[in-house]
């Protein structure tokens, strides 16, 4: 996992996909994590809203 700055009650203003370099779209908050997704390649980031401020990366089918 990659460390990022602390997030307090709100998602970051913008995340860019590391594959497509396009802005990712904020989807929802699940289990104190903010879900961001790239609709071109399907990459997803779960960004922790807790003090550990970690990012989990996963993939889903592109839309």
Protein backbone atom coordinates (compact mmCIF):
# COMPACT_ATOMS: atom_id res chain seq x y z
CA UNK A 1 0.00 0.00 0.00
CA UNK A 2 1.02 3.58 -0.66
CA UNK A 3 0.87 6.32 1.98
CA UNK A 4 -0.96 9.58 1.22
CA UNK A 5 -1.89 12.69 3.19
CA UNK A 6 -4.49 12.42 5.97
CA UNK A 7 -8.08 12.73 4.78
CA UNK A 8 -10.62 14.11 7.24
CA UNK A 9 -14.33 13.43 6.48
CA UNK A 10 -14.02 14.22 2.79
CA UNK A 11 -12.45 12.61 -0.26
CA UNK A 12 -9.43 14.21 -1.93
CA UNK A 13 -10.30 16.79 -4.57
CA UNK A 14 -8.80 14.75 -7.42
CA UNK A 15 -7.01 11.44 -7.97
CA UNK A 16 -5.45 10.50 -11.28
CA UNK A 17 -5.32 6.95 -12.58
CA UNK A 18 -1.75 5.68 -12.66
CA UNK A 19 -2.54 3.67 -15.82
CA UNK A 20 -4.52 6.12 -17.99
CA UNK A 21 -3.49 9.38 -16.29
CA UNK A 22 -7.15 10.47 -16.43
CA UNK A 23 -8.98 11.91 -13.41
CA UNK A 24 -10.70 9.18 -11.41
CA UNK A 25 -14.31 9.60 -10.31
CA UNK A 26 -15.41 9.45 -6.67
CA UNK A 27 -18.08 6.76 -6.23
CA UNK A 28 -18.99 6.18 -2.58
CA UNK A 29 -17.77 5.76 0.98
CA UNK A 30 -17.57 2.16 2.22
CA UNK A 31 -16.31 1.07 5.65
CA UNK A 32 -14.61 4.45 6.28
CA UNK A 33 -12.88 4.25 2.87
CA UNK A 34 -13.51 6.41 -0.17
CA UNK A 35 -13.99 4.47 -3.43
CA UNK A 36 -12.55 6.09 -6.57
CA UNK A 37 -12.71 4.48 -10.03
CA UNK A 38 -11.28 5.07 -13.51
CA UNK A 39 -14.03 4.38 -16.04
CA UNK A 40 -11.59 3.90 -18.90
CA UNK A 41 -9.48 1.03 -17.52
CA UNK A 42 -11.48 -0.01 -14.43
CA UNK A 43 -8.78 0.63 -11.81
CA UNK A 44 -10.20 1.32 -8.34
CA UNK A 45 -8.69 2.96 -5.29
CA UNK A 46 -10.03 2.59 -1.76
CA UNK A 47 -8.65 5.55 0.19
CA UNK A 48 -8.77 5.22 3.95
CA UNK A 49 -10.46 8.01 5.89
CA UNK A 50 -8.76 6.89 9.10
CA UNK A 51 -5.50 8.13 10.54
CA UNK A 52 -3.53 5.35 8.75
CA UNK A 53 -4.38 7.05 5.39
CA UNK A 54 -3.60 4.07 3.14
CA UNK A 55 -4.64 3.38 -0.45
CA UNK A 56 -5.76 -0.05 -1.65
CA UNK A 57 -5.68 -0.66 -5.39
CA UNK A 58 -7.95 -3.09 -7.23
CA UNK A 59 -9.42 -3.61 -10.68
CA UNK A 60 -12.97 -3.93 -11.99
CA UNK A 61 -14.30 -4.21 -15.55
CA UNK A 62 -14.25 -0.85 -17.35
CA UNK A 63 -17.64 0.70 -18.10
